[in-house]
C-alpha cells in the first residue's frame, strides 16, 4: 500500500531543537523562525522561498542569514538538500523514515509517499546481486496523466485525515 507521509510538527520541532543543541548550535530567534518555516512547509522550499516566508514572520531576517542557517543545518545533518531539477536546491527536515518523492515536472510539486512493497523489492534485488542493502533513494519525475481527472490516491487519502 502506498501512503502519503506527514509529520507532526510539534514533535519535530522538539527534535530539531534537540538536534541543534546536541550539535552545539545556539538556537537564536532567527534560527527558530527559519526552523518553524521549514516545519510548517508542506513542500520542499528553496532558500529564496524560505527567506520569503521567514521575512513575513520576522522582517529582521536577511537572505544571507537564511543561506547561512540552511548551510549550517545541512552540514549538521538536520536538513536534507534535494535536487529535483529546475536549477535550485530544495530542502526538507531530515527524516529517519523511508519515504520517496514524486516530482510533477509541470508544476514542480513534490509529493512524498511510502511504499513497503518497494522496500521489499530493493532489498530482494540487492540480495539477489550479492549485496546487503545499506541505503536507497527513489525520486520519480512524472507528468499527471491527461485523461485522468481524478486526484491521485495519496492526495485522496491525505484529504481524509
N, C-alpha and C. Protein backbone atom coordinates (compact mmCIF):
# COMPACT_ATOMS: atom_id res chain seq x y z
N UNK A 1 0.84 -1.18 0.00
CA UNK A 1 0.00 0.00 0.00
C UNK A 1 0.89 1.24 0.00
N UNK A 2 0.62 2.15 -0.87
CA UNK A 2 1.34 3.42 -0.94
C UNK A 2 0.57 4.42 -0.10
N UNK A 3 1.28 5.17 0.77
CA UNK A 3 0.57 6.17 1.54
C UNK A 3 1.39 7.44 1.65
N UNK A 4 0.68 8.54 1.75
CA UNK A 4 1.29 9.86 1.87
C UNK A 4 1.92 9.98 3.24
N UNK A 5 3.05 10.67 3.34
CA UNK A 5 3.69 10.88 4.64
C UNK A 5 3.38 12.26 5.15
N UNK A 6 3.28 12.38 6.45
CA UNK A 6 3.04 13.66 7.08
C UNK A 6 3.56 13.58 8.50
N UNK A 7 4.27 14.60 8.92
CA UNK A 7 4.85 14.60 10.27
C UNK A 7 4.07 15.51 11.19
N UNK A 8 4.14 15.21 12.47
CA UNK A 8 3.57 16.07 13.49
C UNK A 8 4.61 17.16 13.77
N UNK A 9 4.28 18.42 13.48
CA UNK A 9 5.28 19.48 13.60
C UNK A 9 5.69 19.74 15.04
N UNK A 10 4.81 19.50 16.02
CA UNK A 10 5.19 19.73 17.41
C UNK A 10 6.30 18.80 17.84
N UNK A 11 6.19 17.51 17.53
CA UNK A 11 7.24 16.57 17.92
C UNK A 11 8.51 16.82 17.11
N UNK A 12 8.36 17.23 15.86
CA UNK A 12 9.52 17.50 15.03
C UNK A 12 10.26 18.74 15.52
N UNK A 13 9.53 19.75 15.95
CA UNK A 13 10.18 20.96 16.46
C UNK A 13 11.08 20.60 17.64
N UNK A 14 10.58 19.82 18.56
CA UNK A 14 11.40 19.40 19.69
C UNK A 14 12.62 18.63 19.20
N UNK A 15 12.42 17.79 18.21
CA UNK A 15 13.52 17.00 17.65
C UNK A 15 14.58 17.93 17.04
N UNK A 16 14.16 18.90 16.27
CA UNK A 16 15.11 19.81 15.63
C UNK A 16 15.86 20.63 16.66
N UNK A 17 15.14 21.17 17.63
CA UNK A 17 15.81 21.94 18.67
C UNK A 17 16.80 21.06 19.43
N UNK A 18 16.39 19.84 19.73
CA UNK A 18 17.28 18.90 20.42
C UNK A 18 18.52 18.60 19.58
N UNK A 19 18.31 18.35 18.28
CA UNK A 19 19.44 18.08 17.39
C UNK A 19 20.38 19.27 17.32
N UNK A 20 19.83 20.47 17.27
CA UNK A 20 20.68 21.66 17.22
C UNK A 20 21.52 21.77 18.49
N UNK A 21 20.90 21.56 19.63
CA UNK A 21 21.62 21.62 20.90
C UNK A 21 22.69 20.52 20.96
N UNK A 22 22.31 19.30 20.54
CA UNK A 22 23.26 18.20 20.53
C UNK A 22 24.46 18.49 19.62
N UNK A 23 24.21 19.23 18.55
CA UNK A 23 25.28 19.57 17.61
C UNK A 23 26.03 20.83 18.03
N UNK A 24 25.65 21.39 19.18
CA UNK A 24 26.34 22.57 19.70
C UNK A 24 25.90 23.87 19.05
N UNK A 25 24.73 23.87 18.43
CA UNK A 25 24.23 25.10 17.79
C UNK A 25 23.37 25.89 18.77
N UNK A 26 23.57 27.17 18.77
CA UNK A 26 22.75 28.06 19.57
C UNK A 26 21.44 28.29 18.80
N UNK A 27 20.31 28.16 19.49
CA UNK A 27 19.02 28.38 18.84
C UNK A 27 18.65 29.85 18.98
N UNK A 28 19.13 30.66 18.05
CA UNK A 28 18.78 32.08 18.04
C UNK A 28 17.33 32.23 17.61
N UNK A 29 16.78 33.40 17.85
CA UNK A 29 15.39 33.64 17.46
C UNK A 29 15.23 33.51 15.95
N UNK A 30 16.22 33.97 15.19
CA UNK A 30 16.13 33.85 13.73
C UNK A 30 16.18 32.39 13.29
N UNK A 31 16.99 31.57 13.93
CA UNK A 31 17.01 30.14 13.61
C UNK A 31 15.69 29.48 13.96
N UNK A 32 15.10 29.91 15.07
CA UNK A 32 13.78 29.37 15.44
C UNK A 32 12.74 29.70 14.38
N UNK A 33 12.78 30.91 13.87
CA UNK A 33 11.81 31.31 12.82
C UNK A 33 12.04 30.48 11.56
N UNK A 34 13.28 30.34 11.14
CA UNK A 34 13.60 29.56 9.93
C UNK A 34 13.19 28.11 10.12
N UNK A 35 13.45 27.56 11.31
CA UNK A 35 13.05 26.19 11.62
C UNK A 35 11.54 26.05 11.59
N UNK A 36 10.85 27.02 12.15
CA UNK A 36 9.38 27.00 12.14
C UNK A 36 8.85 26.99 10.71
N UNK A 37 9.43 27.82 9.86
CA UNK A 37 9.00 27.87 8.46
C UNK A 37 9.22 26.51 7.79
N UNK A 38 10.37 25.91 8.04
CA UNK A 38 10.65 24.58 7.47
C UNK A 38 9.64 23.55 7.95
N UNK A 39 9.33 23.58 9.23
CA UNK A 39 8.40 22.59 9.79
C UNK A 39 6.98 22.77 9.29
N UNK A 40 6.59 24.00 9.03
CA UNK A 40 5.23 24.26 8.56
C UNK A 40 5.09 24.10 7.06
N UNK A 41 6.19 23.84 6.37
CA UNK A 41 6.16 23.69 4.92
C UNK A 41 5.65 22.31 4.53
N UNK A 42 4.67 22.29 3.65
CA UNK A 42 4.19 21.03 3.09
C UNK A 42 4.91 20.71 1.79
N UNK A 43 5.75 21.62 1.36
CA UNK A 43 6.53 21.43 0.14
C UNK A 43 8.01 21.33 0.53
N UNK A 44 8.86 21.40 -0.42
CA UNK A 44 10.30 21.37 -0.19
C UNK A 44 10.85 22.70 -0.70
N UNK A 45 10.81 23.74 0.13
CA UNK A 45 11.18 25.07 -0.37
C UNK A 45 12.67 25.24 -0.64
N UNK A 46 12.97 26.15 -1.55
CA UNK A 46 14.35 26.54 -1.77
C UNK A 46 14.67 27.68 -0.81
N UNK A 47 15.92 28.15 -0.81
CA UNK A 47 16.33 29.18 0.15
C UNK A 47 15.57 30.48 -0.07
N UNK A 48 15.35 30.85 -1.31
CA UNK A 48 14.62 32.10 -1.59
C UNK A 48 13.20 32.04 -1.04
N UNK A 49 12.55 30.90 -1.19
CA UNK A 49 11.19 30.74 -0.66
C UNK A 49 11.20 30.71 0.87
N UNK A 50 12.21 30.06 1.45
CA UNK A 50 12.36 30.09 2.91
C UNK A 50 12.51 31.53 3.41
N UNK A 51 13.33 32.28 2.71
CA UNK A 51 13.54 33.69 3.09
C UNK A 51 12.23 34.47 2.99
N UNK A 52 11.49 34.27 1.90
CA UNK A 52 10.23 34.99 1.71
C UNK A 52 9.28 34.70 2.87
N UNK A 53 9.15 33.43 3.23
CA UNK A 53 8.24 33.04 4.31
C UNK A 53 8.73 33.51 5.67
N UNK A 54 10.03 33.37 5.92
CA UNK A 54 10.60 33.77 7.21
C UNK A 54 10.50 35.28 7.40
N UNK A 55 10.73 36.04 6.35
CA UNK A 55 10.69 37.51 6.48
C UNK A 55 9.28 38.02 6.74
N UNK A 56 8.26 37.21 6.42
CA UNK A 56 6.89 37.58 6.79
C UNK A 56 6.68 37.48 8.29
N UNK A 57 7.44 36.59 8.94
CA UNK A 57 7.33 36.40 10.39
C UNK A 57 8.28 37.31 11.16
N UNK A 58 9.43 37.61 10.55
CA UNK A 58 10.44 38.45 11.21
C UNK A 58 11.14 39.24 10.12
N UNK A 59 10.81 40.52 10.03
CA UNK A 59 11.39 41.33 8.94
C UNK A 59 12.85 41.71 9.18
N UNK A 60 13.44 41.26 10.29
CA UNK A 60 14.87 41.47 10.54
C UNK A 60 15.74 40.37 9.95
N UNK A 61 15.12 39.30 9.43
CA UNK A 61 15.88 38.19 8.85
C UNK A 61 16.33 38.57 7.44
N UNK A 62 17.62 38.38 7.20
CA UNK A 62 18.16 38.67 5.87
C UNK A 62 18.28 37.37 5.07
N UNK A 63 18.36 37.51 3.76
CA UNK A 63 18.54 36.33 2.92
C UNK A 63 19.88 35.65 3.23
N UNK A 64 20.88 36.43 3.60
CA UNK A 64 22.19 35.86 3.97
C UNK A 64 22.07 34.99 5.22
N UNK A 65 21.26 35.42 6.19
CA UNK A 65 21.04 34.63 7.40
C UNK A 65 20.38 33.31 7.06
N UNK A 66 19.41 33.33 6.15
CA UNK A 66 18.73 32.10 5.75
C UNK A 66 19.72 31.16 5.06
N UNK A 67 20.53 31.69 4.13
CA UNK A 67 21.54 30.87 3.46
C UNK A 67 22.50 30.24 4.46
N UNK A 68 23.01 31.06 5.40
CA UNK A 68 23.96 30.54 6.39
C UNK A 68 23.31 29.47 7.28
N UNK A 69 22.10 29.73 7.71
CA UNK A 69 21.40 28.78 8.59
C UNK A 69 21.12 27.47 7.87
N UNK A 70 20.65 27.54 6.64
CA UNK A 70 20.36 26.34 5.86
C UNK A 70 21.64 25.53 5.65
N UNK A 71 22.72 26.21 5.27
CA UNK A 71 24.00 25.52 5.07
C UNK A 71 24.47 24.85 6.36
N UNK A 72 24.36 25.54 7.48
CA UNK A 72 24.77 25.01 8.77
C UNK A 72 23.91 23.80 9.16
N UNK A 73 22.59 23.91 9.01
CA UNK A 73 21.70 22.79 9.35
C UNK A 73 21.94 21.60 8.44
N UNK A 74 22.27 21.86 7.20
CA UNK A 74 22.60 20.77 6.27
C UNK A 74 23.91 20.09 6.68
N UNK A 75 24.92 20.89 6.99
CA UNK A 75 26.22 20.34 7.41
C UNK A 75 26.08 19.48 8.67
N UNK A 76 25.17 19.85 9.56
CA UNK A 76 24.97 19.11 10.81
C UNK A 76 24.02 17.93 10.64
N UNK A 77 23.49 17.73 9.42
CA UNK A 77 22.61 16.59 9.16
C UNK A 77 21.17 16.80 9.60
N UNK A 78 20.80 18.02 9.88
CA UNK A 78 19.45 18.32 10.36
C UNK A 78 18.51 18.56 9.17
N UNK A 79 19.07 19.08 8.09
CA UNK A 79 18.31 19.30 6.84
C UNK A 79 18.90 18.44 5.74
N UNK A 80 18.04 18.04 4.82
CA UNK A 80 18.49 17.34 3.61
C UNK A 80 18.29 18.25 2.42
N UNK A 81 19.28 18.24 1.57
CA UNK A 81 19.24 19.03 0.33
C UNK A 81 18.85 18.10 -0.81
N UNK A 82 17.93 18.55 -1.65
CA UNK A 82 17.49 17.77 -2.80
C UNK A 82 17.64 18.57 -4.08
N UNK A 83 17.92 17.88 -5.14
CA UNK A 83 17.95 18.50 -6.46
C UNK A 83 16.84 17.84 -7.27
N UNK A 84 15.69 18.51 -7.33
CA UNK A 84 14.56 17.99 -8.08
C UNK A 84 14.48 18.61 -9.47
N UNK A 85 15.57 19.20 -9.93
CA UNK A 85 15.58 19.88 -11.22
C UNK A 85 15.17 21.34 -11.04
N UNK A 86 15.19 22.05 -12.12
CA UNK A 86 14.80 23.46 -12.06
C UNK A 86 15.91 24.38 -11.62
N UNK A 87 17.12 23.85 -11.40
CA UNK A 87 18.27 24.68 -11.09
C UNK A 87 18.31 25.24 -9.69
N UNK A 88 17.56 24.70 -8.77
CA UNK A 88 17.59 25.21 -7.40
C UNK A 88 17.54 24.06 -6.41
N UNK A 89 18.32 24.18 -5.37
CA UNK A 89 18.32 23.18 -4.30
C UNK A 89 17.08 23.40 -3.45
N UNK A 90 16.47 22.31 -3.03
CA UNK A 90 15.29 22.38 -2.17
C UNK A 90 15.57 21.55 -0.93
N UNK A 91 14.89 21.89 0.16
CA UNK A 91 15.24 21.34 1.46
C UNK A 91 14.05 20.74 2.20
N UNK A 92 14.38 19.76 3.05
CA UNK A 92 13.40 19.21 3.98
C UNK A 92 14.14 18.79 5.24
N UNK A 93 13.39 18.72 6.33
CA UNK A 93 13.96 18.27 7.59
C UNK A 93 14.33 16.80 7.44
N UNK A 94 15.53 16.43 7.89
CA UNK A 94 15.99 15.05 7.80
C UNK A 94 15.03 14.16 8.57
N UNK A 95 14.65 13.08 7.93
CA UNK A 95 13.67 12.15 8.50
C UNK A 95 14.24 10.75 8.40
N UNK A 96 14.24 10.03 9.53
CA UNK A 96 14.82 8.69 9.55
C UNK A 96 13.94 7.67 8.83
N UNK A 97 12.66 7.99 8.64
CA UNK A 97 11.79 7.03 7.98
C UNK A 97 12.08 6.99 6.48
N UNK A 98 11.79 5.85 5.87
CA UNK A 98 11.99 5.71 4.43
C UNK A 98 10.79 6.31 3.71
N UNK A 99 11.03 7.32 2.92
CA UNK A 99 9.98 7.87 2.08
C UNK A 99 10.58 8.27 0.75
N UNK A 100 9.70 8.44 -0.21
CA UNK A 100 10.12 8.71 -1.58
C UNK A 100 9.48 10.01 -2.06
N UNK A 101 9.96 10.47 -3.21
CA UNK A 101 9.46 11.71 -3.78
C UNK A 101 8.98 11.48 -5.21
N UNK A 102 7.81 11.99 -5.51
CA UNK A 102 7.33 12.07 -6.89
C UNK A 102 7.28 13.55 -7.22
N UNK A 103 7.99 13.94 -8.28
CA UNK A 103 8.07 15.34 -8.67
C UNK A 103 7.24 15.53 -9.93
N UNK A 104 6.23 16.40 -9.84
CA UNK A 104 5.42 16.75 -11.01
C UNK A 104 6.27 17.70 -11.86
N UNK A 105 6.69 17.25 -13.03
CA UNK A 105 7.62 18.04 -13.84
C UNK A 105 6.96 19.29 -14.44
N UNK A 106 5.63 19.34 -14.44
CA UNK A 106 4.95 20.52 -14.97
C UNK A 106 4.79 21.62 -13.93
N UNK A 107 4.55 21.22 -12.67
CA UNK A 107 4.31 22.21 -11.62
C UNK A 107 5.45 22.34 -10.62
N UNK A 108 6.32 21.32 -10.56
CA UNK A 108 7.40 21.32 -9.58
C UNK A 108 6.94 20.83 -8.21
N UNK A 109 5.65 20.49 -8.08
CA UNK A 109 5.13 19.99 -6.80
C UNK A 109 5.81 18.67 -6.47
N UNK A 110 6.17 18.52 -5.19
CA UNK A 110 6.81 17.30 -4.70
C UNK A 110 5.82 16.58 -3.80
N UNK A 111 5.54 15.33 -4.13
CA UNK A 111 4.64 14.51 -3.33
C UNK A 111 5.48 13.44 -2.64
N UNK A 112 5.40 13.41 -1.31
CA UNK A 112 6.11 12.38 -0.55
C UNK A 112 5.19 11.18 -0.37
N UNK A 113 5.77 9.99 -0.45
CA UNK A 113 4.98 8.78 -0.23
C UNK A 113 5.86 7.68 0.31
N UNK A 114 5.20 6.67 0.87
CA UNK A 114 5.88 5.47 1.37
C UNK A 114 5.28 4.27 0.66
N UNK A 115 6.10 3.24 0.46
CA UNK A 115 5.63 2.02 -0.17
C UNK A 115 6.45 0.84 0.34
N UNK A 116 5.92 0.12 1.34
CA UNK A 116 6.66 -1.02 1.90
C UNK A 116 7.00 -2.09 0.86
N UNK A 117 6.18 -2.24 -0.17
CA UNK A 117 6.45 -3.22 -1.22
C UNK A 117 7.73 -2.86 -1.98
N UNK A 118 7.96 -1.57 -2.19
CA UNK A 118 9.17 -1.13 -2.87
C UNK A 118 10.40 -1.47 -2.04
N UNK A 119 10.30 -1.26 -0.72
CA UNK A 119 11.43 -1.57 0.17
C UNK A 119 11.78 -3.05 0.05
N UNK A 120 10.76 -3.90 0.08
CA UNK A 120 10.99 -5.34 -0.04
C UNK A 120 11.65 -5.68 -1.38
N UNK A 121 11.20 -5.03 -2.44
CA UNK A 121 11.76 -5.29 -3.77
C UNK A 121 13.23 -4.91 -3.86
N UNK A 122 13.60 -3.73 -3.38
CA UNK A 122 15.01 -3.32 -3.49
C UNK A 122 15.90 -4.16 -2.59
N UNK A 123 15.39 -4.56 -1.42
CA UNK A 123 16.17 -5.46 -0.57
C UNK A 123 16.38 -6.80 -1.26
N UNK A 124 15.34 -7.30 -1.91
CA UNK A 124 15.43 -8.57 -2.63
C UNK A 124 16.43 -8.46 -3.79
N UNK A 125 16.41 -7.35 -4.51
CA UNK A 125 17.34 -7.16 -5.64
C UNK A 125 18.78 -7.08 -5.15
N UNK A 126 19.00 -6.38 -4.07
CA UNK A 126 20.36 -6.30 -3.52
C UNK A 126 20.86 -7.68 -3.13
N UNK A 127 20.03 -8.45 -2.44
CA UNK A 127 20.40 -9.82 -2.04
C UNK A 127 20.69 -10.68 -3.27
N UNK A 128 19.83 -10.57 -4.27
CA UNK A 128 19.99 -11.35 -5.50
C UNK A 128 21.32 -11.06 -6.18
N UNK A 129 21.77 -9.82 -6.06
CA UNK A 129 23.03 -9.41 -6.66
C UNK A 129 24.22 -9.61 -5.71
N UNK A 130 23.94 -10.16 -4.52
CA UNK A 130 25.02 -10.46 -3.58
C UNK A 130 25.39 -9.33 -2.65
N UNK A 131 24.45 -8.44 -2.36
CA UNK A 131 24.74 -7.29 -1.51
C UNK A 131 23.73 -7.21 -0.37
N UNK A 132 24.16 -6.57 0.71
CA UNK A 132 23.26 -6.18 1.79
C UNK A 132 22.93 -4.71 1.58
N UNK A 133 21.65 -4.39 1.46
CA UNK A 133 21.22 -3.02 1.22
C UNK A 133 21.54 -2.15 2.43
N UNK A 134 22.20 -1.06 2.19
CA UNK A 134 22.55 -0.12 3.25
C UNK A 134 21.61 1.07 3.22
N UNK A 135 21.35 1.57 2.04
CA UNK A 135 20.52 2.76 1.87
C UNK A 135 20.01 2.77 0.44
N UNK A 136 18.88 3.42 0.23
CA UNK A 136 18.41 3.62 -1.14
C UNK A 136 17.56 4.88 -1.20
N UNK A 137 17.36 5.36 -2.42
CA UNK A 137 16.58 6.58 -2.64
C UNK A 137 15.77 6.39 -3.91
N UNK A 138 14.57 6.93 -3.92
CA UNK A 138 13.73 6.87 -5.10
C UNK A 138 13.12 8.24 -5.33
N UNK A 139 13.36 8.77 -6.51
CA UNK A 139 12.74 10.01 -6.94
C UNK A 139 12.11 9.76 -8.30
N UNK A 140 10.82 9.97 -8.36
CA UNK A 140 10.08 9.78 -9.61
C UNK A 140 9.79 11.15 -10.21
N UNK A 141 10.12 11.33 -11.46
CA UNK A 141 9.80 12.56 -12.18
C UNK A 141 8.68 12.19 -13.13
N UNK A 142 7.53 12.84 -12.98
CA UNK A 142 6.35 12.40 -13.72
C UNK A 142 5.49 13.58 -14.15
N UNK A 143 4.58 13.27 -15.05
CA UNK A 143 3.59 14.22 -15.53
C UNK A 143 2.23 13.58 -15.29
N UNK A 144 1.30 14.37 -14.76
CA UNK A 144 -0.05 13.86 -14.49
C UNK A 144 -0.68 13.38 -15.80
N UNK A 145 -1.32 12.23 -15.75
CA UNK A 145 -1.98 11.67 -16.90
C UNK A 145 -3.11 12.60 -17.33
N UNK A 146 -3.10 13.02 -18.59
CA UNK A 146 -4.09 13.98 -19.08
C UNK A 146 -5.51 13.44 -19.02
N UNK A 147 -5.69 12.17 -19.27
CA UNK A 147 -7.03 11.60 -19.29
C UNK A 147 -7.57 11.31 -17.89
N UNK A 148 -6.73 11.43 -16.89
CA UNK A 148 -7.13 11.12 -15.52
C UNK A 148 -7.43 12.41 -14.78
N UNK A 149 -8.71 12.70 -14.58
CA UNK A 149 -9.11 13.92 -13.88
C UNK A 149 -9.28 13.69 -12.38
N UNK A 150 -9.07 12.46 -11.94
CA UNK A 150 -9.23 12.16 -10.53
C UNK A 150 -7.96 12.54 -9.77
N UNK A 151 -8.14 12.80 -8.47
CA UNK A 151 -6.99 13.06 -7.61
C UNK A 151 -6.17 11.79 -7.47
N UNK A 152 -4.86 11.92 -7.29
CA UNK A 152 -4.04 10.74 -7.00
C UNK A 152 -4.47 10.10 -5.69
N UNK A 153 -4.21 8.82 -5.55
CA UNK A 153 -4.59 8.07 -4.37
C UNK A 153 -4.04 8.70 -3.10
N UNK A 154 -2.79 9.17 -3.13
CA UNK A 154 -2.18 9.74 -1.94
C UNK A 154 -2.93 10.99 -1.50
N UNK A 155 -3.30 11.88 -2.42
CA UNK A 155 -3.98 13.11 -2.06
C UNK A 155 -5.37 12.81 -1.52
N UNK A 156 -6.03 11.80 -2.08
CA UNK A 156 -7.34 11.41 -1.56
C UNK A 156 -7.22 10.93 -0.14
N UNK A 157 -6.21 10.10 0.13
CA UNK A 157 -6.01 9.58 1.49
C UNK A 157 -5.67 10.72 2.43
N UNK A 158 -4.86 11.66 1.99
CA UNK A 158 -4.45 12.78 2.82
C UNK A 158 -5.65 13.65 3.17
N UNK A 159 -6.56 13.86 2.23
CA UNK A 159 -7.70 14.72 2.49
C UNK A 159 -8.69 14.08 3.46
N UNK A 160 -8.61 12.76 3.65
CA UNK A 160 -9.48 12.07 4.59
C UNK A 160 -9.05 12.30 6.03
N UNK A 161 -7.80 12.73 6.24
CA UNK A 161 -7.26 12.91 7.60
C UNK A 161 -7.71 14.20 8.21
